[in-house]
Protein backbone atom coordinates (compact mmCIF):
# COMPACT_ATOMS: atom_id res chain seq x y z
CA MET A 1 -45.32 104.78 -126.09
CA ALA A 2 -42.16 106.53 -127.25
CA ARG A 3 -42.65 105.02 -130.73
CA THR A 4 -46.16 106.41 -131.05
CA LEU A 5 -46.56 109.53 -128.86
CA GLY A 6 -45.80 112.83 -130.62
CA HIS A 7 -44.92 111.44 -133.94
CA SER A 8 -45.46 113.32 -137.16
CA GLU A 9 -43.51 113.46 -140.39
CA GLY A 10 -41.82 116.62 -139.20
CA SER A 11 -40.93 115.42 -135.77
CA GLU A 12 -39.58 112.21 -137.04
CA ARG A 13 -37.42 114.11 -139.60
CA ALA A 14 -36.17 116.50 -136.89
CA VAL A 15 -35.34 113.75 -134.41
CA ALA A 16 -33.54 111.69 -137.04
CA ARG A 17 -31.35 114.71 -137.85
CA PHE A 18 -30.74 115.44 -134.15
CA THR A 19 -29.71 111.88 -133.34
CA LEU A 20 -26.88 112.22 -135.98
CA LEU A 21 -25.03 114.36 -133.49
CA GLY A 22 -24.46 111.31 -131.29
CA GLU A 23 -23.34 108.90 -134.06
CA HIS A 24 -20.02 107.40 -133.14
CA ALA A 25 -19.90 109.99 -130.31
CA GLY A 26 -19.33 112.72 -132.84
CA VAL A 27 -20.64 115.76 -130.85
CA TRP A 28 -18.83 114.64 -127.71
CA LEU A 29 -15.57 114.19 -129.67
CA ALA A 30 -16.07 117.61 -131.18
CA ILE A 31 -16.69 119.27 -127.80
CA GLY A 32 -13.58 117.64 -126.32
CA SER A 33 -11.46 118.48 -129.35
CA VAL A 34 -12.41 122.18 -129.14
CA GLY A 35 -11.58 122.16 -125.41
CA TYR A 36 -8.24 120.47 -126.13
CA ALA A 37 -7.42 123.06 -128.82
CA VAL A 38 -8.37 126.24 -126.96
CA ASP A 39 -7.54 125.36 -123.36
CA ALA A 40 -3.81 124.85 -123.46
CA ARG A 41 -3.39 125.12 -119.69
CA ARG A 42 -5.63 122.09 -119.13
CA ARG A 43 -4.88 120.18 -122.39
CA PRO A 44 -3.83 116.99 -120.51
CA ARG A 45 -7.15 117.01 -118.69
CA TRP A 46 -9.03 117.50 -121.95
CA ALA A 47 -7.07 114.63 -123.46
CA GLY A 48 -8.19 112.49 -120.45
CA ALA A 49 -11.86 113.50 -121.02
CA LEU A 50 -11.60 112.57 -124.72
CA LYS A 51 -10.03 109.23 -123.83
CA ALA A 52 -12.95 108.57 -121.45
CA VAL A 53 -15.44 109.20 -124.26
CA LEU A 54 -13.42 107.04 -126.70
CA GLY A 55 -12.95 104.33 -124.14
CA THR A 56 -16.64 104.28 -123.37
CA TYR A 57 -17.47 103.86 -127.08
CA ALA A 58 -14.97 100.94 -127.31
CA LEU A 59 -16.28 99.30 -124.15
CA ASN A 60 -19.86 99.75 -125.35
CA THR A 61 -19.01 98.12 -128.65
CA ALA A 62 -17.46 95.15 -126.85
CA LEU A 63 -20.54 94.83 -124.57
CA LYS A 64 -22.84 94.74 -127.55
CA VAL A 65 -20.88 91.85 -129.07
CA VAL A 66 -20.96 89.96 -125.76
CA VAL A 67 -24.62 90.53 -124.96
CA ARG A 68 -25.84 90.20 -128.57
CA ARG A 69 -29.30 91.70 -127.84
CA ARG A 70 -31.29 92.47 -130.98
CA ARG A 71 -32.78 95.91 -131.65
CA PRO A 72 -36.63 96.29 -131.30
CA ASP A 73 -38.64 94.70 -134.05
CA LEU A 74 -42.23 95.71 -133.33
CA ASP A 75 -45.12 94.79 -135.66
CA GLY A 76 -46.20 97.82 -137.61
CA LEU A 77 -43.54 100.09 -136.11
CA ARG A 78 -40.40 99.92 -138.25
CA PRO A 79 -37.22 101.75 -136.99
CA LEU A 80 -37.14 105.28 -138.32
CA VAL A 81 -33.35 105.36 -138.94
CA ALA A 82 -30.72 102.93 -140.04
CA THR A 83 -28.17 101.59 -137.57
CA PRO A 84 -24.59 100.39 -138.10
CA THR A 85 -25.44 96.95 -136.45
CA THR A 86 -28.42 94.95 -135.36
CA LEU A 87 -27.18 94.89 -131.76
CA SER A 88 -28.68 97.18 -129.16
CA PHE A 89 -27.44 96.63 -125.67
CA PRO A 90 -26.24 98.98 -124.26
CA SER A 91 -27.05 102.22 -126.30
CA ALA A 92 -23.81 103.78 -127.53
CA HIS A 93 -25.63 107.10 -127.89
CA ALA A 94 -26.51 107.01 -124.27
CA SER A 95 -23.17 105.75 -123.00
CA THR A 96 -20.96 108.16 -124.88
CA SER A 97 -23.35 111.06 -124.14
CA PHE A 98 -23.37 110.52 -120.44
CA ALA A 99 -19.62 109.88 -120.43
CA GLY A 100 -19.05 113.13 -122.32
CA ALA A 101 -21.49 115.12 -120.09
CA ARG A 102 -19.82 113.89 -116.98
CA ALA A 103 -16.22 114.26 -118.15
CA TYR A 104 -16.74 117.72 -119.59
CA SER A 105 -18.79 119.04 -116.65
CA ARG A 106 -15.89 117.85 -114.42
CA LEU A 107 -13.71 120.18 -116.51
CA GLY A 108 -15.96 123.10 -115.67
CA LEU A 109 -18.43 123.20 -118.62
CA PRO A 110 -21.96 123.89 -117.57
CA ALA A 111 -23.53 120.55 -116.47
CA GLY A 112 -27.13 121.46 -117.28
CA PRO A 113 -26.71 121.93 -121.09
CA LEU A 114 -24.35 118.93 -121.29
CA TYR A 115 -26.79 116.57 -119.54
CA ALA A 116 -29.81 118.06 -121.45
CA LEU A 117 -27.94 117.13 -124.66
CA ALA A 118 -27.07 113.70 -123.28
CA ALA A 119 -30.62 113.05 -122.29
CA GLY A 120 -32.06 114.30 -125.56
CA LEU A 121 -29.71 112.12 -127.63
CA SER A 122 -30.48 109.10 -125.47
CA LEU A 123 -34.29 109.59 -125.70
CA SER A 124 -34.11 110.16 -129.44
CA ARG A 125 -33.08 106.50 -129.75
CA LEU A 126 -36.35 105.41 -128.21
CA PHE A 127 -38.40 107.81 -130.31
CA LEU A 128 -36.73 106.42 -133.44
CA GLY A 129 -37.39 102.81 -132.41
CA VAL A 130 -33.82 101.57 -132.44
CA HIS A 131 -33.40 100.79 -128.70
CA TRP A 132 -35.33 99.30 -125.78
CA PRO A 133 -35.60 101.51 -122.70
CA SER A 134 -33.19 99.22 -120.82
CA ASP A 135 -30.59 99.78 -123.51
CA VAL A 136 -30.63 103.50 -122.90
CA LEU A 137 -30.71 103.12 -119.07
CA ALA A 138 -27.74 100.74 -119.14
CA GLY A 139 -25.80 102.96 -121.52
CA ALA A 140 -26.49 106.07 -119.31
CA ALA A 141 -25.26 104.18 -116.31
CA LEU A 142 -22.12 102.95 -118.14
CA GLY A 143 -21.34 106.45 -119.36
CA THR A 144 -21.82 108.01 -116.00
CA VAL A 145 -19.32 105.54 -114.50
CA THR A 146 -16.72 105.80 -117.21
CA GLY A 147 -17.03 109.52 -117.62
CA GLY A 148 -16.25 110.09 -113.98
CA SER A 149 -12.70 108.82 -114.18
CA GLY A 150 -9.94 111.43 -113.85
CA LYS A 151 -9.60 114.54 -111.75
CA ARG A 152 -12.30 117.21 -111.20
CA ALA A 153 -11.48 120.68 -112.37
CA PRO A 154 -10.17 122.94 -109.67
CA ARG A 155 -12.73 125.64 -108.69
């Protein structure tokens, strides 16, 4: 249903652009880098959060190689964006997004917008036809666990 509901030329183009934010954890590395640059007092904590995102990306990549699940190939529904590999499980967009949302919210950034971005990037992969729902769920679970390492921000 995600590959057919709400699709138009404009929506497909918009979602394809939006999903680029999550490529190779880009938006999450940018958020962490800005935090690291401007919050000198908590720079070591920002470094830890960045390491959590990078570590999640590396772990996700290793899991893809081990699991070797192929991306969806549905008759009449071609993927709407290119992907760096044909491997899909777990979703790197979902894992790095949820790792970033959890790690940065633990540093005091507002959780709502972070998790909304994480959910949007994760769901974009279903809309574009490059992941199975279980890829996204597994990625979100992985990122939630790996993004929770480290200390919570003092209130």
